[in-house]
Amino acid sequence: MEGNFFSTRGYYTEAILSYMKALDFDEAVPYAEYGLGTVYYALEESEGSYDRYRAADDSIPETGRTDHSELRYRIFYNTGIIYFENGEYEEAAEAFREALKIDGSRIEAKRNLEISLLTLSRMPAPQASSSAERSEGSGVGATGTIIFNYLREKEQEQWKSREWTGEDDFSGPDY
């Protein structure tokens, strides 16, 4: 909890220290690893973040996987975000699928899976391959900008009132 406190306030060094201390307690290891992953992501260290998310998932005992379903959902969802930001759309789609296997009611995972699949379908065949075949440093680029602008427009539409109808007659007094 101390690590979460520091992390949400932007005190990342203190958060890392707190999470590292929590690794000494077996029952806290998955959550501490996940916390470290979120801090590394905030510090734009996507590779370190991915490694910590994997460690968090690996540290959940096989017998207690259902007890940690929220944590497992977040691990896969955030891993999908990292993959997408790195332009690894196939891997992102797979991570979002795994998140939805854990909790199929999450709209954000469904939306991101759809965006990943749409991006894959619109890319030329050689670029749609996995990250191992792509050059380093290739980011989201123009495709990502288009997708995020599309999402922004859709979110704006969501908040518009559907009941409002414009007034036809503007000639009367304005009270």
N, C-alpha and C. Protein backbone atom coordinates (compact mmCIF):
# COMPACT_ATOMS: atom_id res chain seq x y z
N MET A 1 0.83 -1.19 0.00
CA MET A 1 0.00 0.00 0.00
C MET A 1 0.87 1.25 0.00
N GLU A 2 1.99 1.17 0.69
CA GLU A 2 2.89 2.31 0.72
C GLU A 2 3.42 2.61 -0.68
N GLY A 3 3.76 1.57 -1.42
CA GLY A 3 4.23 1.74 -2.80
C GLY A 3 3.17 2.39 -3.67
N ASN A 4 1.92 1.96 -3.50
CA ASN A 4 0.82 2.56 -4.26
C ASN A 4 0.66 4.04 -3.92
N PHE A 5 0.78 4.35 -2.65
CA PHE A 5 0.69 5.73 -2.20
C PHE A 5 1.74 6.59 -2.90
N PHE A 6 2.99 6.15 -2.87
CA PHE A 6 4.06 6.91 -3.50
C PHE A 6 3.89 6.97 -5.02
N SER A 7 3.50 5.87 -5.61
CA SER A 7 3.37 5.81 -7.06
C SER A 7 2.30 6.77 -7.58
N THR A 8 1.17 6.81 -6.92
CA THR A 8 0.08 7.69 -7.39
C THR A 8 0.43 9.16 -7.24
N ARG A 9 1.37 9.46 -6.39
CA ARG A 9 1.78 10.86 -6.20
C ARG A 9 3.02 11.22 -7.01
N GLY A 10 3.54 10.27 -7.76
CA GLY A 10 4.67 10.53 -8.62
C GLY A 10 6.03 10.39 -7.95
N TYR A 11 6.07 9.83 -6.74
CA TYR A 11 7.33 9.60 -6.04
C TYR A 11 7.81 8.20 -6.40
N TYR A 12 8.33 8.06 -7.60
CA TYR A 12 8.63 6.74 -8.14
C TYR A 12 9.80 6.05 -7.44
N THR A 13 10.80 6.79 -7.04
CA THR A 13 11.93 6.17 -6.34
C THR A 13 11.46 5.55 -5.03
N GLU A 14 10.67 6.30 -4.28
CA GLU A 14 10.14 5.79 -3.02
C GLU A 14 9.21 4.59 -3.26
N ALA A 15 8.43 4.67 -4.34
CA ALA A 15 7.52 3.56 -4.66
C ALA A 15 8.31 2.30 -4.98
N ILE A 16 9.37 2.44 -5.75
CA ILE A 16 10.20 1.27 -6.08
C ILE A 16 10.78 0.66 -4.82
N LEU A 17 11.27 1.50 -3.92
CA LEU A 17 11.83 0.99 -2.66
C LEU A 17 10.78 0.24 -1.85
N SER A 18 9.58 0.78 -1.78
CA SER A 18 8.50 0.13 -1.03
C SER A 18 8.12 -1.21 -1.65
N TYR A 19 8.01 -1.24 -2.96
CA TYR A 19 7.67 -2.49 -3.64
C TYR A 19 8.78 -3.53 -3.46
N MET A 20 10.02 -3.08 -3.50
CA MET A 20 11.14 -4.01 -3.31
C MET A 20 11.10 -4.62 -1.90
N LYS A 21 10.75 -3.82 -0.90
CA LYS A 21 10.61 -4.35 0.46
C LYS A 21 9.48 -5.38 0.53
N ALA A 22 8.39 -5.12 -0.20
CA ALA A 22 7.24 -6.02 -0.18
C ALA A 22 7.56 -7.37 -0.82
N LEU A 23 8.59 -7.43 -1.65
CA LEU A 23 8.97 -8.70 -2.27
C LEU A 23 9.45 -9.72 -1.25
N ASP A 24 9.76 -9.29 -0.02
CA ASP A 24 10.20 -10.20 1.03
C ASP A 24 9.04 -11.02 1.61
N PHE A 25 7.80 -10.65 1.30
CA PHE A 25 6.63 -11.34 1.84
C PHE A 25 5.93 -12.10 0.71
N ASP A 26 5.90 -13.43 0.86
CA ASP A 26 5.40 -14.30 -0.21
C ASP A 26 4.03 -13.91 -0.72
N GLU A 27 3.10 -13.58 0.17
CA GLU A 27 1.74 -13.27 -0.26
C GLU A 27 1.65 -11.93 -0.99
N ALA A 28 2.65 -11.08 -0.84
CA ALA A 28 2.64 -9.76 -1.47
C ALA A 28 3.43 -9.72 -2.79
N VAL A 29 4.16 -10.78 -3.10
CA VAL A 29 5.04 -10.77 -4.27
C VAL A 29 4.30 -10.43 -5.57
N PRO A 30 3.17 -11.08 -5.89
CA PRO A 30 2.52 -10.74 -7.17
C PRO A 30 2.12 -9.27 -7.26
N TYR A 31 1.64 -8.73 -6.16
CA TYR A 31 1.20 -7.33 -6.15
C TYR A 31 2.38 -6.37 -6.18
N ALA A 32 3.46 -6.73 -5.53
CA ALA A 32 4.66 -5.90 -5.55
C ALA A 32 5.27 -5.88 -6.95
N GLU A 33 5.31 -7.04 -7.60
CA GLU A 33 5.82 -7.11 -8.97
C GLU A 33 4.95 -6.28 -9.91
N TYR A 34 3.64 -6.39 -9.73
CA TYR A 34 2.72 -5.59 -10.55
C TYR A 34 2.95 -4.09 -10.30
N GLY A 35 3.10 -3.72 -9.04
CA GLY A 35 3.36 -2.32 -8.70
C GLY A 35 4.64 -1.81 -9.34
N LEU A 36 5.68 -2.65 -9.31
CA LEU A 36 6.93 -2.28 -9.97
C LEU A 36 6.72 -2.09 -11.47
N GLY A 37 5.90 -2.95 -12.04
CA GLY A 37 5.59 -2.82 -13.47
C GLY A 37 4.90 -1.51 -13.79
N THR A 38 3.98 -1.09 -12.94
CA THR A 38 3.28 0.17 -13.20
C THR A 38 4.21 1.37 -13.03
N VAL A 39 5.13 1.29 -12.08
CA VAL A 39 6.10 2.37 -11.90
C VAL A 39 7.03 2.45 -13.11
N TYR A 40 7.53 1.31 -13.55
CA TYR A 40 8.41 1.31 -14.72
C TYR A 40 7.68 1.84 -15.95
N TYR A 41 6.40 1.50 -16.07
CA TYR A 41 5.61 2.02 -17.20
C TYR A 41 5.50 3.55 -17.09
N ALA A 42 5.25 4.06 -15.91
CA ALA A 42 5.16 5.50 -15.71
C ALA A 42 6.47 6.19 -16.03
N LEU A 43 7.57 5.47 -15.83
CA LEU A 43 8.90 6.01 -16.14
C LEU A 43 9.29 5.76 -17.59
N GLU A 44 8.33 5.26 -18.39
CA GLU A 44 8.52 4.97 -19.81
C GLU A 44 9.59 3.91 -20.05
N GLU A 45 9.65 2.96 -19.16
CA GLU A 45 10.55 1.79 -19.29
C GLU A 45 9.68 0.59 -19.62
N SER A 46 9.20 0.53 -20.86
CA SER A 46 8.24 -0.50 -21.21
C SER A 46 8.81 -1.92 -21.11
N GLU A 47 10.07 -2.10 -21.41
CA GLU A 47 10.67 -3.43 -21.32
C GLU A 47 10.71 -3.90 -19.86
N GLY A 48 11.14 -3.03 -18.96
CA GLY A 48 11.16 -3.36 -17.54
C GLY A 48 9.76 -3.58 -17.00
N SER A 49 8.82 -2.79 -17.48
CA SER A 49 7.44 -2.94 -17.07
C SER A 49 6.90 -4.29 -17.50
N TYR A 50 7.15 -4.65 -18.75
CA TYR A 50 6.70 -5.94 -19.26
C TYR A 50 7.29 -7.08 -18.44
N ASP A 51 8.59 -7.00 -18.12
CA ASP A 51 9.25 -8.05 -17.34
C ASP A 51 8.61 -8.19 -15.96
N ARG A 52 8.28 -7.08 -15.35
CA ARG A 52 7.65 -7.13 -14.01
C ARG A 52 6.24 -7.69 -14.07
N TYR A 53 5.50 -7.35 -15.12
CA TYR A 53 4.16 -7.93 -15.27
C TYR A 53 4.24 -9.44 -15.44
N ARG A 54 5.20 -9.91 -16.23
CA ARG A 54 5.40 -11.36 -16.40
C ARG A 54 5.75 -12.00 -15.06
N ALA A 55 6.64 -11.36 -14.30
CA ALA A 55 7.04 -11.89 -13.00
C ALA A 55 5.84 -11.93 -12.06
N ALA A 56 4.98 -10.94 -12.12
CA ALA A 56 3.79 -10.91 -11.28
C ALA A 56 2.88 -12.09 -11.61
N ASP A 57 2.65 -12.34 -12.89
CA ASP A 57 1.79 -13.45 -13.29
C ASP A 57 2.42 -14.79 -12.90
N ASP A 58 3.73 -14.90 -13.08
CA ASP A 58 4.41 -16.14 -12.74
C ASP A 58 4.42 -16.41 -11.24
N SER A 59 4.34 -15.37 -10.43
CA SER A 59 4.42 -15.56 -8.98
C SER A 59 3.07 -15.89 -8.35
N ILE A 60 2.00 -15.85 -9.13
CA ILE A 60 0.69 -16.24 -8.60
C ILE A 60 0.63 -17.76 -8.59
N PRO A 61 0.36 -18.36 -7.44
CA PRO A 61 0.32 -19.82 -7.38
C PRO A 61 -0.79 -20.39 -8.27
N GLU A 62 -0.54 -21.52 -8.89
CA GLU A 62 -1.53 -22.16 -9.77
C GLU A 62 -2.85 -22.42 -9.04
N THR A 63 -2.78 -22.76 -7.78
CA THR A 63 -4.00 -23.05 -7.02
C THR A 63 -4.80 -21.80 -6.70
N GLY A 64 -4.18 -20.63 -6.73
CA GLY A 64 -4.87 -19.40 -6.36
C GLY A 64 -5.13 -18.46 -7.52
N ARG A 65 -5.12 -18.97 -8.74
CA ARG A 65 -5.27 -18.10 -9.91
C ARG A 65 -6.62 -17.40 -9.92
N THR A 66 -7.68 -18.09 -9.50
CA THR A 66 -8.99 -17.44 -9.50
C THR A 66 -9.12 -16.43 -8.37
N ASP A 67 -8.35 -16.61 -7.30
CA ASP A 67 -8.39 -15.65 -6.20
C ASP A 67 -7.76 -14.32 -6.59
N HIS A 68 -6.95 -14.32 -7.60
CA HIS A 68 -6.24 -13.12 -8.05
C HIS A 68 -6.70 -12.70 -9.44
N SER A 69 -7.98 -12.88 -9.74
CA SER A 69 -8.45 -12.61 -11.10
C SER A 69 -8.33 -11.13 -11.48
N GLU A 70 -8.58 -10.22 -10.56
CA GLU A 70 -8.44 -8.80 -10.88
C GLU A 70 -6.99 -8.45 -11.21
N LEU A 71 -6.08 -8.97 -10.45
CA LEU A 71 -4.66 -8.73 -10.70
C LEU A 71 -4.26 -9.31 -12.05
N ARG A 72 -4.68 -10.53 -12.33
CA ARG A 72 -4.35 -11.16 -13.60
C ARG A 72 -4.95 -10.40 -14.77
N TYR A 73 -6.19 -9.92 -14.62
CA TYR A 73 -6.79 -9.10 -15.68
C TYR A 73 -5.93 -7.87 -15.94
N ARG A 74 -5.54 -7.17 -14.89
CA ARG A 74 -4.75 -5.95 -15.05
C ARG A 74 -3.37 -6.23 -15.66
N ILE A 75 -2.80 -7.35 -15.30
CA ILE A 75 -1.50 -7.71 -15.89
C ILE A 75 -1.62 -7.85 -17.40
N PHE A 76 -2.60 -8.62 -17.85
CA PHE A 76 -2.76 -8.83 -19.30
C PHE A 76 -3.20 -7.56 -20.01
N TYR A 77 -4.09 -6.81 -19.40
CA TYR A 77 -4.56 -5.57 -20.02
C TYR A 77 -3.39 -4.60 -20.20
N ASN A 78 -2.61 -4.39 -19.15
CA ASN A 78 -1.48 -3.45 -19.24
C ASN A 78 -0.39 -3.96 -20.18
N THR A 79 -0.21 -5.26 -20.23
CA THR A 79 0.74 -5.83 -21.19
C THR A 79 0.28 -5.53 -22.61
N GLY A 80 -1.01 -5.63 -22.85
CA GLY A 80 -1.56 -5.29 -24.16
C GLY A 80 -1.31 -3.83 -24.52
N ILE A 81 -1.44 -2.96 -23.55
CA ILE A 81 -1.18 -1.53 -23.78
C ILE A 81 0.28 -1.33 -24.20
N ILE A 82 1.19 -1.99 -23.50
CA ILE A 82 2.62 -1.86 -23.83
C ILE A 82 2.88 -2.36 -25.25
N TYR A 83 2.34 -3.53 -25.58
CA TYR A 83 2.54 -4.07 -26.92
C TYR A 83 2.00 -3.10 -27.97
N PHE A 84 0.81 -2.58 -27.73
CA PHE A 84 0.20 -1.67 -28.71
C PHE A 84 1.06 -0.43 -28.90
N GLU A 85 1.51 0.16 -27.81
CA GLU A 85 2.34 1.36 -27.91
C GLU A 85 3.65 1.10 -28.64
N ASN A 86 4.14 -0.13 -28.57
CA ASN A 86 5.37 -0.50 -29.27
C ASN A 86 5.11 -0.95 -30.70
N GLY A 87 3.86 -0.89 -31.13
CA GLY A 87 3.53 -1.27 -32.50
C GLY A 87 3.43 -2.76 -32.71
N GLU A 88 3.34 -3.53 -31.64
CA GLU A 88 3.23 -4.99 -31.72
C GLU A 88 1.76 -5.37 -31.58
N TYR A 89 1.00 -5.13 -32.65
CA TYR A 89 -0.45 -5.24 -32.60
C TYR A 89 -0.96 -6.66 -32.43
N GLU A 90 -0.26 -7.61 -33.01
CA GLU A 90 -0.66 -9.01 -32.87
C GLU A 90 -0.55 -9.45 -31.40
N GLU A 91 0.57 -9.12 -30.77
CA GLU A 91 0.79 -9.46 -29.37
C GLU A 91 -0.20 -8.70 -28.48
N ALA A 92 -0.49 -7.45 -28.85
CA ALA A 92 -1.45 -6.66 -28.08
C ALA A 92 -2.83 -7.33 -28.12
N ALA A 93 -3.24 -7.76 -29.30
CA ALA A 93 -4.54 -8.42 -29.43
C ALA A 93 -4.59 -9.68 -28.58
N GLU A 94 -3.51 -10.44 -28.57
CA GLU A 94 -3.48 -11.66 -27.76
C GLU A 94 -3.56 -11.34 -26.26
N ALA A 95 -2.87 -10.30 -25.83
CA ALA A 95 -2.92 -9.92 -24.41
C ALA A 95 -4.32 -9.46 -24.03
N PHE A 96 -4.98 -8.70 -24.89
CA PHE A 96 -6.35 -8.26 -24.59
C PHE A 96 -7.31 -9.45 -24.58
N ARG A 97 -7.08 -10.44 -25.44
CA ARG A 97 -7.90 -11.66 -25.42
C ARG A 97 -7.75 -12.38 -24.08
N GLU A 98 -6.52 -12.48 -23.61
CA GLU A 98 -6.28 -13.14 -22.32
C GLU A 98 -6.97 -12.38 -21.19
N ALA A 99 -6.92 -11.06 -21.24
CA ALA A 99 -7.60 -10.25 -20.22
C ALA A 99 -9.10 -10.51 -20.26
N LEU A 100 -9.66 -10.62 -21.46
CA LEU A 100 -11.09 -10.87 -21.59
C LEU A 100 -11.48 -12.28 -21.17
N LYS A 101 -10.56 -13.23 -21.27
CA LYS A 101 -10.84 -14.58 -20.76
C LYS A 101 -11.03 -14.54 -19.25
N ILE A 102 -10.34 -13.64 -18.61
CA ILE A 102 -10.43 -13.52 -17.15
C ILE A 102 -11.69 -12.76 -16.76
N ASP A 103 -11.97 -11.66 -17.46
CA ASP A 103 -13.16 -10.86 -17.17
C ASP A 103 -13.71 -10.33 -18.49
N GLY A 104 -14.66 -11.03 -19.03
CA GLY A 104 -15.23 -10.68 -20.33
C GLY A 104 -16.16 -9.48 -20.32
N SER A 105 -16.40 -8.90 -19.17
CA SER A 105 -17.33 -7.77 -19.09
C SER A 105 -16.64 -6.42 -19.26
N ARG A 106 -15.34 -6.39 -19.40
CA ARG A 106 -14.60 -5.13 -19.44
C ARG A 106 -14.64 -4.50 -20.83
N ILE A 107 -15.30 -3.38 -20.93
CA ILE A 107 -15.46 -2.66 -22.19
C ILE A 107 -14.12 -2.18 -22.73
N GLU A 108 -13.24 -1.67 -21.84
CA GLU A 108 -11.97 -1.12 -22.31
C GLU A 108 -11.11 -2.19 -22.97
N ALA A 109 -11.14 -3.41 -22.47
CA ALA A 109 -10.37 -4.49 -23.08
C ALA A 109 -10.97 -4.89 -24.43
N LYS A 110 -12.29 -4.91 -24.49
CA LYS A 110 -12.96 -5.22 -25.76
C LYS A 110 -12.63 -4.17 -26.81
N ARG A 111 -12.69 -2.91 -26.41
CA ARG A 111 -12.39 -1.82 -27.33
C ARG A 111 -10.94 -1.90 -27.81
N ASN A 112 -10.02 -2.14 -26.90
CA ASN A 112 -8.61 -2.21 -27.29
C ASN A 112 -8.31 -3.43 -28.15
N LEU A 113 -8.99 -4.53 -27.89
CA LEU A 113 -8.83 -5.71 -28.75
C LEU A 113 -9.30 -5.37 -30.16
N GLU A 114 -10.44 -4.72 -30.26
CA GLU A 114 -10.97 -4.35 -31.56
C GLU A 114 -10.02 -3.39 -32.29
N ILE A 115 -9.49 -2.43 -31.58
CA ILE A 115 -8.56 -1.48 -32.20
C ILE A 115 -7.29 -2.19 -32.67
N SER A 116 -6.80 -3.11 -31.87
CA SER A 116 -5.60 -3.87 -32.26
C SER A 116 -5.87 -4.68 -33.52
N LEU A 117 -7.02 -5.33 -33.57
CA LEU A 117 -7.37 -6.14 -34.74
C LEU A 117 -7.60 -5.27 -35.97
N LEU A 118 -8.24 -4.12 -35.80
CA LEU A 118 -8.44 -3.19 -36.92
C LEU A 118 -7.11 -2.68 -37.44
N THR A 119 -6.21 -2.37 -36.55
CA THR A 119 -4.89 -1.89 -36.95
C THR A 119 -4.16 -2.97 -37.72
N LEU A 120 -4.23 -4.19 -37.24
CA LEU A 120 -3.59 -5.31 -37.95
C LEU A 120 -4.18 -5.48 -39.35
N SER A 121 -5.49 -5.39 -39.47
CA SER A 121 -6.14 -5.61 -40.75
C SER A 121 -5.84 -4.51 -41.76
N ARG A 122 -5.51 -3.33 -41.28
CA ARG A 122 -5.24 -2.20 -42.18
C ARG A 122 -3.78 -2.03 -42.53
N MET A 123 -2.93 -2.83 -41.93
CA MET A 123 -1.50 -2.72 -42.20
C MET A 123 -1.11 -3.62 -43.37
N PRO A 124 -0.13 -3.18 -44.15
CA PRO A 124 0.39 -4.07 -45.19
C PRO A 124 0.99 -5.32 -44.54
N ALA A 125 0.96 -6.43 -45.22
CA ALA A 125 1.36 -7.72 -44.66
C ALA A 125 2.74 -7.72 -44.00
N PRO A 126 3.80 -7.17 -44.60
CA PRO A 126 5.11 -7.25 -43.95
C PRO A 126 5.17 -6.50 -42.63
N GLN A 127 4.40 -5.42 -42.47
CA GLN A 127 4.45 -4.64 -41.24
C GLN A 127 3.61 -5.24 -40.14
N ALA A 128 2.70 -6.14 -40.47
CA ALA A 128 1.81 -6.72 -39.47
C ALA A 128 2.48 -7.84 -38.70
N SER A 129 3.75 -8.10 -38.96
CA SER A 129 4.44 -9.19 -38.29
C SER A 129 4.79 -8.82 -36.86
N SER A 130 5.32 -9.78 -36.12
CA SER A 130 5.63 -9.57 -34.72
C SER A 130 6.82 -8.65 -34.54
N SER A 131 7.04 -8.25 -33.32
CA SER A 131 8.09 -7.28 -33.01
C SER A 131 9.48 -7.81 -33.28
N ALA A 132 9.68 -9.10 -33.24
CA ALA A 132 11.00 -9.66 -33.46
C ALA A 132 11.47 -9.39 -34.89
N GLU A 133 10.53 -9.24 -35.81
CA GLU A 133 10.89 -9.02 -37.20
C GLU A 133 10.92 -7.55 -37.55
N ARG A 134 10.55 -6.68 -36.63
CA ARG A 134 10.50 -5.26 -36.91
C ARG A 134 11.73 -4.57 -36.36
N SER A 135 12.04 -3.43 -36.90
CA SER A 135 13.21 -2.70 -36.42
C SER A 135 12.91 -2.05 -35.09
N GLU A 136 13.95 -1.85 -34.30
CA GLU A 136 13.78 -1.21 -33.01
C GLU A 136 13.44 0.24 -33.21
N GLY A 137 12.69 0.79 -32.25
CA GLY A 137 12.37 2.20 -32.29
C GLY A 137 11.16 2.52 -33.13
N SER A 138 10.54 1.54 -33.75
CA SER A 138 9.35 1.85 -34.52
C SER A 138 8.18 1.95 -33.57
N GLY A 139 7.63 3.12 -33.46
CA GLY A 139 6.57 3.37 -32.49
C GLY A 139 5.21 3.21 -33.11
N VAL A 140 4.24 3.82 -32.49
CA VAL A 140 2.87 3.73 -32.96
C VAL A 140 2.72 4.51 -34.26
N GLY A 141 3.33 5.66 -34.36
CA GLY A 141 3.33 6.43 -35.59
C GLY A 141 1.97 6.95 -35.98
N ALA A 142 1.77 7.13 -37.29
CA ALA A 142 0.55 7.74 -37.80
C ALA A 142 -0.67 6.87 -37.52
N THR A 143 -0.53 5.57 -37.59
CA THR A 143 -1.66 4.68 -37.34
C THR A 143 -2.17 4.86 -35.92
N GLY A 144 -1.26 4.92 -34.96
CA GLY A 144 -1.66 5.11 -33.57
C GLY A 144 -2.34 6.44 -33.36
N THR A 145 -1.85 7.48 -34.02
CA THR A 145 -2.46 8.79 -33.90
C THR A 145 -3.88 8.77 -34.43
N ILE A 146 -4.08 8.11 -35.56
CA ILE A 146 -5.41 8.01 -36.14
C ILE A 146 -6.35 7.28 -35.19
N ILE A 147 -5.88 6.19 -34.62
CA ILE A 147 -6.72 5.40 -33.71
C ILE A 147 -7.08 6.20 -32.47
N PHE A 148 -6.09 6.87 -31.90
CA PHE A 148 -6.38 7.62 -30.69
C PHE A 148 -7.29 8.81 -30.96
N ASN A 149 -7.17 9.43 -32.13
CA ASN A 149 -8.10 10.50 -32.50
C ASN A 149 -9.51 9.95 -32.68
N TYR A 150 -9.61 8.76 -33.28
CA TYR A 150 -10.91 8.12 -33.44
C TYR A 150 -11.54 7.84 -32.07
N LEU A 151 -10.75 7.33 -31.15
CA LEU A 151 -11.25 7.06 -29.80
C LEU A 151 -11.71 8.34 -29.12
N ARG A 152 -10.94 9.40 -29.27
CA ARG A 152 -11.30 10.67 -28.65
C ARG A 152 -12.65 11.15 -29.19
N GLU A 153 -12.86 11.05 -30.51
CA GLU A 153 -14.13 11.45 -31.10
C GLU A 153 -15.28 10.62 -30.56
N LYS A 154 -15.07 9.31 -30.47
CA LYS A 154 -16.12 8.43 -29.98
C LYS A 154 -16.46 8.73 -28.52
N GLU A 155 -15.45 9.03 -27.71
CA GLU A 155 -15.71 9.36 -26.31
C GLU A 155 -16.47 10.66 -26.19
N GLN A 156 -16.18 11.64 -27.06
CA GLN A 156 -16.91 12.89 -27.04
C GLN A 156 -18.37 12.66 -27.40
N GLU A 157 -18.62 11.80 -28.38
CA GLU A 157 -19.99 11.48 -28.76
C GLU A 157 -20.76 10.82 -27.63
N GLN A 158 -20.06 10.04 -26.83
CA GLN A 158 -20.70 9.33 -25.73
C GLN A 158 -21.31 10.30 -24.72
N TRP A 159 -20.69 11.45 -24.54
CA TRP A 159 -21.15 12.39 -23.52
C TRP A 159 -22.15 13.40 -24.05
N LYS A 160 -22.43 13.38 -25.35
CA LYS A 160 -23.43 14.28 -25.89
C LYS A 160 -24.81 13.78 -25.49
N SER A 161 -25.68 14.70 -25.19
CA SER A 161 -27.04 14.33 -24.81
C SER A 161 -27.78 13.82 -26.03
N ARG A 162 -28.40 12.69 -25.88
CA ARG A 162 -29.16 12.11 -26.97
C ARG A 162 -30.61 12.61 -26.96
N GLU A 163 -31.02 13.27 -25.89
CA GLU A 163 -32.39 13.73 -25.75
C GLU A 163 -32.57 15.15 -26.25
N TRP A 164 -31.51 15.87 -26.41
CA TRP A 164 -31.58 17.28 -26.79
C TRP A 164 -32.01 17.43 -28.24
N THR A 165 -32.97 18.27 -28.45
CA THR A 165 -33.35 18.64 -29.81
C THR A 165 -33.23 20.15 -29.91
N GLY A 166 -32.71 20.61 -30.96
CA GLY A 166 -32.50 22.04 -31.14
C GLY A 166 -33.81 22.78 -31.29
N GLU A 167 -33.81 24.06 -30.92
CA GLU A 167 -35.01 24.88 -31.06
C GLU A 167 -35.07 25.42 -32.48
N ASP A 168 -36.27 25.41 -33.02
CA ASP A 168 -36.45 25.85 -34.40
C ASP A 168 -36.71 27.36 -34.49
N ASP A 169 -37.42 27.91 -33.53
CA ASP A 169 -37.82 29.30 -33.59
C ASP A 169 -36.95 30.12 -32.64
N PHE A 170 -36.11 31.00 -33.16
CA PHE A 170 -35.24 31.82 -32.35
C PHE A 170 -35.70 33.28 -32.31
N SER A 171 -36.91 33.58 -32.81
CA SER A 171 -37.37 34.95 -32.93
C SER A 171 -38.01 35.48 -31.64
N GLY A 172 -38.32 34.64 -30.69
CA GLY A 172 -39.00 35.08 -29.47
C GLY A 172 -38.06 35.73 -28.49
N PRO A 173 -38.61 36.24 -27.39
CA PRO A 173 -37.77 36.90 -26.36
C PRO A 173 -36.85 35.88 -25.69
N ASP A 174 -35.72 36.35 -25.27
CA ASP A 174 -34.73 35.51 -24.62
C ASP A 174 -34.79 35.75 -23.12
N TYR A 175 -35.39 34.87 -22.37
CA TYR A 175 -35.51 35.03 -20.92
C TYR A 175 -34.39 34.39 -20.21
